[in-house]
Amino acid sequence: IYGGTAKLARAKPGDEAWTKVNNTEHSSFGDVICNRDQYYAINGDTEIFAIDGDVARSASAPLPDGLRRQKQECLYLVGSEDSDRKLWVVSREGVDLRPVHPGNEDVLHYGTYGFQVFEVYLGTKRWKEIKNLANRSIFLGHNSSLSLDVSSKPRCKTNCIYFTDDYGEGYWYMHEEEHTEFGGKDMGIYNLQDGTNLFSEIRYPKSSFILISPACLN
């Protein structure tokens, strides 16, 4: 994904230049994944494209409005990483600048307050919301996201979403305005099953020298 308009390009070992992916002129893309040896990308309208060589083709209908809690969200593609290799879309809510006090645009902030996870059935172009990942958890970041079986990891919580602060626009706004209590600190662990928006927040102290949190959790 490249450029201010978030278009697609591809390259393979030995290529001397990147090649633009066609049929993407009217879309801006948020994430890309390789799942079952096939590359997929999702655009801002929640439409998923399969990438075959230099061409992208529509592989799913957009997320139905009836399943969607809100349209201001950040979208991630995640593979289930099990034998079924399901394709999931994670919708992150709250990653947008908004007034601290309603009606007052002078002071803005941002912060994640919810998630939705959907399984996409590409053959039928159907979407289904899921709230139980069984023994798995999802790790989200700007560069890549993944799911892992954490049942044998006593320090990890199952059926949770671990997330880092990857909202660059909001972070730099907070940094320039010196709102240090917000910028770069939107990290936490979200319990997917109870649906009550409970977070175990992870915060750097205000004196931290780290300018922005890592984009990907390892």
C-alpha atoms as a PDB file:
ATOM      1  CA  ILE A   1       0.000   0.000   0.000  1.00  0.00           C
ATOM      2  CA  TYR A   2       1.625   3.256  -1.053  1.00  0.00           C
ATOM      3  CA  GLY A   3       1.050   6.996  -1.449  1.00  0.00           C
ATOM      4  CA  GLY A   4      -1.337   9.466   0.082  1.00  0.00           C
ATOM      5  CA  THR A   5      -4.279   7.845  -1.703  1.00  0.00           C
ATOM      6  CA  ALA A   6      -3.336   4.329  -0.493  1.00  0.00           C
ATOM      7  CA  LYS A   7      -3.078   2.432  -3.785  1.00  0.00           C
ATOM      8  CA  LEU A   8      -1.650  -1.054  -4.400  1.00  0.00           C
ATOM      9  CA  ALA A   9       1.593  -2.153  -6.021  1.00  0.00           C
ATOM     10  CA  ARG A  10       3.431  -5.463  -6.168  1.00  0.00           C
ATOM     11  CA  ALA A  11       6.985  -6.703  -6.599  1.00  0.00           C
ATOM     12  CA  LYS A  12       8.729 -10.068  -6.460  1.00  0.00           C
ATOM     13  CA  PRO A  13      12.376 -11.004  -5.927  1.00  0.00           C
ATOM     14  CA  GLY A  14      14.419  -9.925  -8.936  1.00  0.00           C
ATOM     15  CA  ASP A  15      12.119  -7.071  -9.999  1.00  0.00           C
ATOM     16  CA  GLU A  16      13.847  -3.734 -10.472  1.00  0.00           C
ATOM     17  CA  ALA A  17      10.683  -1.713  -9.851  1.00  0.00           C
ATOM     18  CA  TRP A  18       7.256  -2.010  -8.303  1.00  0.00           C
ATOM     19  CA  THR A  19       4.240  -2.547 -10.593  1.00  0.00           C
ATOM     20  CA  LYS A  20       0.911  -0.839  -9.952  1.00  0.00           C
ATOM     21  CA  VAL A  21      -2.054  -3.154  -9.433  1.00  0.00           C
ATOM     22  CA  ASN A  22      -4.825  -2.359 -11.914  1.00  0.00           C
ATOM     23  CA  ASN A  23      -8.537  -1.989 -11.208  1.00  0.00           C
ATOM     24  CA  THR A  24      -7.865  -0.128  -7.949  1.00  0.00           C
ATOM     25  CA  GLU A  25      -8.117   3.465  -9.208  1.00  0.00           C
ATOM     26  CA  HIS A  26     -11.302   4.258  -7.302  1.00  0.00           C
ATOM     27  CA  SER A  27     -10.307   2.699  -3.972  1.00  0.00           C
ATOM     28  CA  SER A  28      -8.072   3.546  -1.036  1.00  0.00           C
ATOM     29  CA  PHE A  29      -6.806   0.489   0.806  1.00  0.00           C
ATOM     30  CA  GLY A  30      -6.266  -0.087   4.498  1.00  0.00           C
ATOM     31  CA  ASP A  31      -4.717  -3.535   4.778  1.00  0.00           C
ATOM     32  CA  VAL A  32      -3.299  -6.459   2.803  1.00  0.00           C
ATOM     33  CA  ILE A  33      -2.886 -10.126   3.747  1.00  0.00           C
ATOM     34  CA  CYS A  34      -1.743 -13.397   2.202  1.00  0.00           C
ATOM     35  CA  ASN A  35      -4.202 -16.150   3.107  1.00  0.00           C
ATOM     36  CA  ARG A  36      -4.232 -19.624   1.525  1.00  0.00           C
ATOM     37  CA  ASP A  37      -1.533 -18.485  -0.933  1.00  0.00           C
ATOM     38  CA  GLN A  38      -3.788 -15.701  -2.184  1.00  0.00           C
ATOM     39  CA  TYR A  39      -3.277 -11.981  -1.587  1.00  0.00           C
ATOM     40  CA  TYR A  40      -6.276  -9.940  -0.440  1.00  0.00           C
ATOM     41  CA  ALA A  41      -6.731  -6.224   0.220  1.00  0.00           C
ATOM     42  CA  ILE A  42      -9.584  -4.321   1.870  1.00  0.00           C
ATOM     43  CA  ASN A  43     -10.623  -0.797   0.939  1.00  0.00           C
ATOM     44  CA  GLY A  44     -12.308   1.933   2.948  1.00  0.00           C
ATOM     45  CA  ASP A  45     -15.750   0.770   1.816  1.00  0.00           C
ATOM     46  CA  THR A  46     -15.078  -2.702   3.367  1.00  0.00           C
ATOM     47  CA  GLU A  47     -14.903  -4.350  -0.052  1.00  0.00           C
ATOM     48  CA  ILE A  48     -12.272  -7.104  -0.290  1.00  0.00           C
ATOM     49  CA  PHE A  49     -10.218  -7.569  -3.463  1.00  0.00           C
ATOM     50  CA  ALA A  50      -8.235 -10.625  -4.528  1.00  0.00           C
ATOM     51  CA  ILE A  51      -4.947  -9.722  -6.206  1.00  0.00           C
ATOM     52  CA  ASP A  52      -3.910 -11.847  -9.173  1.00  0.00           C
ATOM     53  CA  GLY A  53      -0.678 -10.599 -10.712  1.00  0.00           C
ATOM     54  CA  ASP A  54      -1.209  -6.994 -11.780  1.00  0.00           C
ATOM     55  CA  VAL A  55      -5.000  -7.058 -11.454  1.00  0.00           C
ATOM     56  CA  ALA A  56      -7.326  -6.816  -8.459  1.00  0.00           C
ATOM     57  CA  ARG A  57     -10.815  -8.285  -8.639  1.00  0.00           C
ATOM     58  CA  SER A  58     -13.691  -7.918  -6.212  1.00  0.00           C
ATOM     59  CA  ALA A  59     -13.889 -10.953  -3.920  1.00  0.00           C
ATOM     60  CA  SER A  60     -16.614  -9.878  -1.489  1.00  0.00           C
ATOM     61  CA  ALA A  61     -19.554  -7.581  -1.141  1.00  0.00           C
ATOM     62  CA  PRO A  62     -19.070  -4.688   1.320  1.00  0.00           C
ATOM     63  CA  LEU A  63     -19.940  -5.256   4.963  1.00  0.00           C
ATOM     64  CA  PRO A  64     -23.752  -4.976   5.306  1.00  0.00           C
ATOM     65  CA  ASP A  65     -24.877  -1.887   7.221  1.00  0.00           C
ATOM     66  CA  GLY A  66     -27.030  -4.077   9.460  1.00  0.00           C
ATOM     67  CA  LEU A  67     -23.907  -5.698  10.940  1.00  0.00           C
ATOM     68  CA  ARG A  68     -21.914  -2.513  11.258  1.00  0.00           C
ATOM     69  CA  ARG A  69     -22.054  -0.469  14.453  1.00  0.00           C
ATOM     70  CA  GLN A  70     -20.405   2.603  12.924  1.00  0.00           C
ATOM     71  CA  LYS A  71     -18.645   3.725   9.766  1.00  0.00           C
ATOM     72  CA  GLN A  72     -15.721   5.579  11.357  1.00  0.00           C
ATOM     73  CA  GLU A  73     -13.377   2.693  11.975  1.00  0.00           C
ATOM     74  CA  CYS A  74      -9.983   1.231  11.150  1.00  0.00           C
ATOM     75  CA  LEU A  75     -10.056  -2.096   9.279  1.00  0.00           C
ATOM     76  CA  TYR A  76      -7.631  -5.014   9.534  1.00  0.00           C
ATOM     77  CA  LEU A  77      -7.393  -8.325   7.670  1.00  0.00           C
ATOM     78  CA  VAL A  78      -6.449 -11.318   9.849  1.00  0.00           C
ATOM     79  CA  GLY A  79      -6.094 -15.022   9.039  1.00  0.00           C
ATOM     80  CA  SER A  80      -7.390 -17.528  11.566  1.00  0.00           C
ATOM     81  CA  GLU A  81      -4.012 -19.326  11.285  1.00  0.00           C
ATOM     82  CA  ASP A  82      -5.614 -22.728  11.912  1.00  0.00           C
ATOM     83  CA  SER A  83      -6.342 -25.633   9.574  1.00  0.00           C
ATOM     84  CA  ASP A  84      -9.418 -23.838   8.164  1.00  0.00           C
ATOM     85  CA  ARG A  85      -7.491 -20.643   7.327  1.00  0.00           C
ATOM     86  CA  LYS A  86     -10.574 -18.453   7.719  1.00  0.00           C
ATOM     87  CA  LEU A  87     -10.396 -14.812   6.667  1.00  0.00           C
ATOM     88  CA  TRP A  88     -11.401 -12.324   9.364  1.00  0.00           C
ATOM     89  CA  VAL A  89     -11.987  -8.587   9.195  1.00  0.00           C
ATOM     90  CA  VAL A  90     -11.467  -6.648  12.429  1.00  0.00           C
ATOM     91  CA  SER A  91     -13.185  -3.284  12.786  1.00  0.00           C
ATOM     92  CA  ARG A  92     -11.610  -0.963  15.372  1.00  0.00           C
ATOM     93  CA  GLU A  93     -13.819   1.836  16.688  1.00  0.00           C
ATOM     94  CA  GLY A  94     -12.647   5.157  18.091  1.00  0.00           C
ATOM     95  CA  VAL A  95      -9.611   5.711  15.866  1.00  0.00           C
ATOM     96  CA  ASP A  96     -10.658   9.188  14.804  1.00  0.00           C
ATOM     97  CA  LEU A  97     -10.149  12.683  16.172  1.00  0.00           C
ATOM     98  CA  ARG A  98     -13.167  13.907  18.110  1.00  0.00           C
ATOM     99  CA  PRO A  99     -13.891  16.640  20.679  1.00  0.00           C
ATOM    100  CA  VAL A 100     -12.981  15.961  24.299  1.00  0.00           C
ATOM    101  CA  HIS A 101     -16.054  18.031  25.198  1.00  0.00           C
ATOM    102  CA  PRO A 102     -18.999  17.728  22.762  1.00  0.00           C
ATOM    103  CA  GLY A 103     -19.537  20.936  20.834  1.00  0.00           C
ATOM    104  CA  ASN A 104     -16.027  22.261  21.484  1.00  0.00           C
ATOM    105  CA  GLU A 105     -13.697  21.636  18.536  1.00  0.00           C
ATOM    106  CA  ASP A 106     -10.725  23.372  20.166  1.00  0.00           C
ATOM    107  CA  VAL A 107      -9.446  20.278  21.980  1.00  0.00           C
ATOM    108  CA  LEU A 108      -9.562  16.921  20.199  1.00  0.00           C
ATOM    109  CA  HIS A 109      -8.531  13.421  21.219  1.00  0.00           C
ATOM    110  CA  TYR A 110      -8.862   9.823  20.087  1.00  0.00           C
ATOM    111  CA  GLY A 111      -8.970   6.401  21.670  1.00  0.00           C
ATOM    112  CA  THR A 112     -10.208   2.899  20.877  1.00  0.00           C
ATOM    113  CA  TYR A 113     -13.485   1.994  22.582  1.00  0.00           C
ATOM    114  CA  GLY A 114     -14.644  -1.147  20.767  1.00  0.00           C
ATOM    115  CA  PHE A 115     -14.033  -3.867  18.198  1.00  0.00           C
ATOM    116  CA  GLN A 116     -16.061  -6.071  15.903  1.00  0.00           C
ATOM    117  CA  VAL A 117     -14.710  -9.230  14.253  1.00  0.00           C
ATOM    118  CA  PHE A 118     -16.277 -10.679  11.104  1.00  0.00           C
ATOM    119  CA  GLU A 119     -15.695 -13.877   9.198  1.00  0.00           C
ATOM    120  CA  VAL A 120     -15.920 -13.383   5.441  1.00  0.00           C
ATOM    121  CA  TYR A 121     -17.195 -16.223   3.255  1.00  0.00           C
ATOM    122  CA  LEU A 122     -15.620 -15.270  -0.049  1.00  0.00           C
ATOM    123  CA  GLY A 123     -17.444 -17.917  -2.082  1.00  0.00           C
ATOM    124  CA  THR A 124     -20.873 -16.555  -1.179  1.00  0.00           C
ATOM    125  CA  LYS A 125     -19.700 -13.007  -0.349  1.00  0.00           C
ATOM    126  CA  ARG A 126     -21.415 -13.344   3.045  1.00  0.00           C
ATOM    127  CA  TRP A 127     -20.308 -11.751   6.330  1.00  0.00           C
ATOM    128  CA  LYS A 128     -20.870 -13.092   9.841  1.00  0.00           C
ATOM    129  CA  GLU A 129     -19.987 -11.411  13.128  1.00  0.00           C
ATOM    130  CA  ILE A 130     -18.097 -13.655  15.539  1.00  0.00           C
ATOM    131  CA  LYS A 131     -17.579 -13.100  19.254  1.00  0.00           C
ATOM    132  CA  ASN A 132     -15.774 -16.283  20.230  1.00  0.00           C
ATOM    133  CA  LEU A 133     -12.244 -16.985  19.034  1.00  0.00           C
ATOM    134  CA  ALA A 134     -12.046 -20.106  21.238  1.00  0.00           C
ATOM    135  CA  ASN A 135      -8.426 -20.481  22.378  1.00  0.00           C
ATOM    136  CA  ARG A 136      -7.103 -17.835  20.021  1.00  0.00           C
ATOM    137  CA  SER A 137      -6.408 -14.137  20.394  1.00  0.00           C
ATOM    138  CA  ILE A 138      -5.758 -11.456  17.804  1.00  0.00           C
ATOM    139  CA  PHE A 139      -2.736  -9.142  17.758  1.00  0.00           C
ATOM    140  CA  LEU A 140      -3.276  -5.931  15.783  1.00  0.00           C
ATOM    141  CA  GLY A 141      -0.812  -3.447  14.369  1.00  0.00           C
ATOM    142  CA  HIS A 142      -0.218  -1.202  11.386  1.00  0.00           C
ATOM    143  CA  ASN A 143       2.378  -3.360   9.637  1.00  0.00           C
ATOM    144  CA  SER A 144       0.787  -6.771  10.129  1.00  0.00           C
ATOM    145  CA  SER A 145      -1.790  -8.531  12.263  1.00  0.00           C
ATOM    146  CA  LEU A 146      -2.129 -12.147  13.276  1.00  0.00           C
ATOM    147  CA  SER A 147      -4.051 -14.604  15.417  1.00  0.00           C
ATOM    148  CA  LEU A 148      -2.428 -17.119  17.741  1.00  0.00           C
ATOM    149  CA  ASP A 149      -3.508 -20.055  19.872  1.00  0.00           C
ATOM    150  CA  VAL A 150      -2.621 -18.756  23.341  1.00  0.00           C
ATOM    151  CA  SER A 151      -4.214 -21.535  25.423  1.00  0.00           C
ATOM    152  CA  SER A 152      -0.760 -22.760  26.477  1.00  0.00           C
ATOM    153  CA  LYS A 153       0.505 -19.243  27.192  1.00  0.00           C
ATOM    154  CA  PRO A 154      -0.402 -18.460  30.821  1.00  0.00           C
ATOM    155  CA  ARG A 155       0.445 -14.768  30.456  1.00  0.00           C
ATOM    156  CA  CYS A 156      -1.886 -14.289  27.485  1.00  0.00           C
ATOM    157  CA  LYS A 157      -5.665 -14.050  27.642  1.00  0.00           C
ATOM    158  CA  THR A 158      -7.744 -16.115  25.217  1.00  0.00           C
ATOM    159  CA  ASN A 159     -10.484 -14.558  23.087  1.00  0.00           C
ATOM    160  CA  CYS A 160      -8.938 -11.096  23.353  1.00  0.00           C
ATOM    161  CA  ILE A 161      -7.608  -8.453  20.990  1.00  0.00           C
ATOM    162  CA  TYR A 162      -4.186  -7.016  21.810  1.00  0.00           C
ATOM    163  CA  PHE A 163      -3.713  -3.699  20.052  1.00  0.00           C
ATOM    164  CA  THR A 164      -1.135  -0.957  19.622  1.00  0.00           C
ATOM    165  CA  ASP A 165      -1.527   2.721  18.789  1.00  0.00           C
ATOM    166  CA  ASP A 166      -1.133   2.948  15.006  1.00  0.00           C
ATOM    167  CA  TYR A 167      -3.189   6.092  14.326  1.00  0.00           C
ATOM    168  CA  GLY A 168      -0.387   8.292  12.988  1.00  0.00           C
ATOM    169  CA  GLU A 169      -2.539  11.304  12.080  1.00  0.00           C
ATOM    170  CA  GLY A 170      -4.025  11.504  15.551  1.00  0.00           C
ATOM    171  CA  TYR A 171      -0.716  10.912  17.251  1.00  0.00           C
ATOM    172  CA  TRP A 172       1.056  13.749  15.452  1.00  0.00           C
ATOM    173  CA  TYR A 173      -1.845  16.097  16.150  1.00  0.00           C
ATOM    174  CA  MET A 174      -1.559  15.317  19.847  1.00  0.00           C
ATOM    175  CA  HIS A 175       2.219  15.643  19.740  1.00  0.00           C
ATOM    176  CA  GLU A 176       2.091  19.079  18.094  1.00  0.00           C
ATOM    177  CA  GLU A 177      -0.633  20.291  20.451  1.00  0.00           C
ATOM    178  CA  GLU A 178       1.269  18.807  23.426  1.00  0.00           C
ATOM    179  CA  HIS A 179      -1.676  16.669  24.507  1.00  0.00           C
ATOM    180  CA  THR A 180       0.757  14.054  25.795  1.00  0.00           C
ATOM    181  CA  GLU A 181      -1.903  12.181  27.736  1.00  0.00           C
ATOM    182  CA  PHE A 182      -3.309  10.856  24.457  1.00  0.00           C
ATOM    183  CA  GLY A 183      -0.790  10.714  21.620  1.00  0.00           C
ATOM    184  CA  GLY A 184       0.877   7.359  21.042  1.00  0.00           C
ATOM    185  CA  LYS A 185      -0.712   5.686  24.060  1.00  0.00           C
ATOM    186  CA  ASP A 186      -3.844   4.038  22.626  1.00  0.00           C
ATOM    187  CA  MET A 187      -2.879   0.458  23.513  1.00  0.00           C
ATOM    188  CA  GLY A 188      -4.652  -2.263  25.423  1.00  0.00           C
ATOM    189  CA  ILE A 189      -6.295  -5.673  25.632  1.00  0.00           C
ATOM    190  CA  TYR A 190      -9.942  -5.963  24.598  1.00  0.00           C
ATOM    191  CA  ASN A 191     -12.130  -8.844  25.767  1.00  0.00           C
ATOM    192  CA  LEU A 192     -14.173  -9.834  22.724  1.00  0.00           C
ATOM    193  CA  GLN A 193     -16.647 -12.234  24.320  1.00  0.00           C
ATOM    194  CA  ASP A 194     -18.255 -10.106  27.027  1.00  0.00           C
ATOM    195  CA  GLY A 195     -18.901  -7.191  24.671  1.00  0.00           C
ATOM    196  CA  THR A 196     -18.814  -4.647  27.492  1.00  0.00           C
ATOM    197  CA  ASN A 197     -15.877  -2.599  26.158  1.00  0.00           C
ATOM    198  CA  LEU A 198     -13.677  -3.468  29.115  1.00  0.00           C
ATOM    199  CA  PHE A 199     -10.028  -2.653  28.568  1.00  0.00           C
ATOM    200  CA  SER A 200      -6.884  -3.584  30.443  1.00  0.00           C
ATOM    201  CA  GLU A 201      -5.068  -0.446  29.409  1.00  0.00           C
ATOM    202  CA  ILE A 202      -1.321  -0.370  28.845  1.00  0.00           C
ATOM    203  CA  ARG A 203       0.063   3.136  29.276  1.00  0.00           C
ATOM    204  CA  TYR A 204       3.504   4.620  28.971  1.00  0.00           C
ATOM    205  CA  PRO A 205       4.232   7.157  31.711  1.00  0.00           C
ATOM    206  CA  LYS A 206       4.050  10.768  30.577  1.00  0.00           C
ATOM    207  CA  SER A 207       7.817  11.011  30.974  1.00  0.00           C
ATOM    208  CA  SER A 208       8.408   8.265  28.400  1.00  0.00           C
ATOM    209  CA  PHE A 209      10.924   9.118  25.674  1.00  0.00           C
ATOM    210  CA  ILE A 210       9.173   6.821  23.198  1.00  0.00           C
ATOM    211  CA  LEU A 211       7.593   9.039  20.547  1.00  0.00           C
ATOM    212  CA  ILE A 212       5.197   6.466  19.133  1.00  0.00           C
ATOM    213  CA  SER A 213       4.381   2.898  20.041  1.00  0.00           C
ATOM    214  CA  PRO A 214       5.488  -0.032  17.859  1.00  0.00           C
ATOM    215  CA  ALA A 215       3.187  -0.605  14.904  1.00  0.00           C
ATOM    216  CA  CYS A 216       3.249  -4.356  15.309  1.00  0.00           C
ATOM    217  CA  LEU A 217       3.220  -6.560  18.376  1.00  0.00           C
ATOM    218  CA  ASN A 218       5.545  -9.577  18.210  1.00  0.00           C
END
